[in-house]
C-alpha atoms as a PDB file:
ATOM      1  CA  MET A   1      -4.258 -18.585 -20.147  1.00  0.00           C
ATOM      2  CA  PRO A   2      -2.026 -16.694 -17.916  1.00  0.00           C
ATOM      3  CA  SER A   3      -1.106 -13.247 -19.198  1.00  0.00           C
ATOM      4  CA  GLY A   4       2.353 -13.258 -17.693  1.00  0.00           C
ATOM      5  CA  LYS A   5       1.581 -10.107 -15.651  1.00  0.00           C
ATOM      6  CA  ALA A   6       1.641  -9.778 -11.845  1.00  0.00           C
ATOM      7  CA  MET A   7      -1.906  -9.379 -10.498  1.00  0.00           C
ATOM      8  CA  LYS A   8      -2.556  -7.491  -7.097  1.00  0.00           C
ATOM      9  CA  PRO A   9      -3.867  -9.808  -4.410  1.00  0.00           C
ATOM     10  CA  GLU A  10      -7.750  -9.561  -4.144  1.00  0.00           C
ATOM     11  CA  LYS A  11      -8.803  -7.161  -1.567  1.00  0.00           C
ATOM     12  CA  ASN A  12     -10.027 -10.167   0.559  1.00  0.00           C
ATOM     13  CA  GLN A  13      -6.605 -11.135   0.787  1.00  0.00           C
ATOM     14  CA  LEU A  14      -5.265  -7.917   2.689  1.00  0.00           C
ATOM     15  CA  PRO A  15      -2.906  -8.674   5.424  1.00  0.00           C
ATOM     16  CA  LYS A  16      -4.196  -8.607   8.926  1.00  0.00           C
ATOM     17  CA  ILE A  17      -3.573  -4.732  10.185  1.00  0.00           C
ATOM     18  CA  GLU A  18      -1.598  -4.814  13.387  1.00  0.00           C
ATOM     19  CA  ALA A  19      -0.779  -2.097  15.889  1.00  0.00           C
ATOM     20  CA  GLU A  20       2.881  -1.682  14.228  1.00  0.00           C
ATOM     21  CA  ASP A  21       1.155  -1.224  10.830  1.00  0.00           C
ATOM     22  CA  PHE A  22      -0.667   2.668  11.271  1.00  0.00           C
ATOM     23  CA  TYR A  23      -1.030   5.434  13.308  1.00  0.00           C
ATOM     24  CA  PHE A  24      -3.504   8.094  13.423  1.00  0.00           C
ATOM     25  CA  ASN A  25      -1.967  11.710  12.541  1.00  0.00           C
ATOM     26  CA  GLU A  26      -3.364  15.138  14.187  1.00  0.00           C
ATOM     27  CA  GLN A  27      -6.223  15.104  12.146  1.00  0.00           C
ATOM     28  CA  GLY A  28      -7.416  11.691  13.298  1.00  0.00           C
ATOM     29  CA  LEU A  29      -6.792  10.215   9.948  1.00  0.00           C
ATOM     30  CA  MET A  30      -5.146   6.457  10.056  1.00  0.00           C
ATOM     31  CA  VAL A  31      -1.799   6.539   8.122  1.00  0.00           C
ATOM     32  CA  PHE A  32      -0.246   3.195   7.309  1.00  0.00           C
ATOM     33  CA  THR A  33       3.588   2.649   7.706  1.00  0.00           C
ATOM     34  CA  GLU A  34       6.033   1.625   5.217  1.00  0.00           C
ATOM     35  CA  LYS A  35       6.038  -1.815   7.266  1.00  0.00           C
ATOM     36  CA  TYR A  36       2.201  -2.441   6.267  1.00  0.00           C
ATOM     37  CA  HIS A  37       2.935  -1.320   2.582  1.00  0.00           C
ATOM     38  CA  LEU A  38       5.638  -3.875   2.349  1.00  0.00           C
ATOM     39  CA  LYS A  39       3.388  -6.520   4.014  1.00  0.00           C
ATOM     40  CA  ARG A  40       0.654  -5.751   1.447  1.00  0.00           C
ATOM     41  CA  GLY A  41       3.284  -5.958  -1.216  1.00  0.00           C
ATOM     42  CA  TYR A  42       2.072  -3.462  -3.755  1.00  0.00           C
ATOM     43  CA  CYS A  43       1.587   0.196  -4.477  1.00  0.00           C
ATOM     44  CA  CYS A  44      -2.365   0.917  -4.473  1.00  0.00           C
ATOM     45  CA  GLY A  45      -1.582   4.300  -6.166  1.00  0.00           C
ATOM     46  CA  SER A  46      -3.548   6.491  -3.812  1.00  0.00           C
ATOM     47  CA  GLY A  47       0.157   8.629  -2.897  1.00  0.00           C
ATOM     48  CA  CYS A  48       0.427   7.249   0.877  1.00  0.00           C
ATOM     49  CA  LYS A  49       2.497   8.918   2.942  1.00  0.00           C
ATOM     50  CA  HIS A  50       4.929   6.297   3.846  1.00  0.00           C
ATOM     51  CA  CYS A  51       4.645   4.095   0.397  1.00  0.00           C
ATOM     52  CA  PRO A  52       8.017   2.377  -0.294  1.00  0.00           C
ATOM     53  CA  TYR A  53       7.241   1.737  -3.837  1.00  0.00           C
ATOM     54  CA  PRO A  54       8.554   3.577  -6.590  1.00  0.00           C
ATOM     55  CA  LYS A  55       6.720   6.674  -7.678  1.00  0.00           C
ATOM     56  CA  GLU A  56       4.978   6.303 -11.253  1.00  0.00           C
ATOM     57  CA  ARG A  57       6.403   9.118 -13.753  1.00  0.00           C
ATOM     58  CA  GLU A  58       3.648  11.758 -15.054  1.00  0.00           C
ATOM     59  CA  ASN A  59       3.326  12.258 -18.507  1.00  0.00           C
ATOM     60  CA  PRO A  60       4.295  15.845 -19.494  1.00  0.00           C
END
């Protein structure tokens, strides 16, 4: 029975990564662009630099 909540896509359903979806920073780490995050369709909660999704408020 569906719960009515939106579910994240399964990891094997992630979009194909293309050249414009990321860059390498000065430390050599891969950084995903806003375009890739929008293509993925959800926030992973890792605090990504270019995440276009609203930040969750922390409890005081």
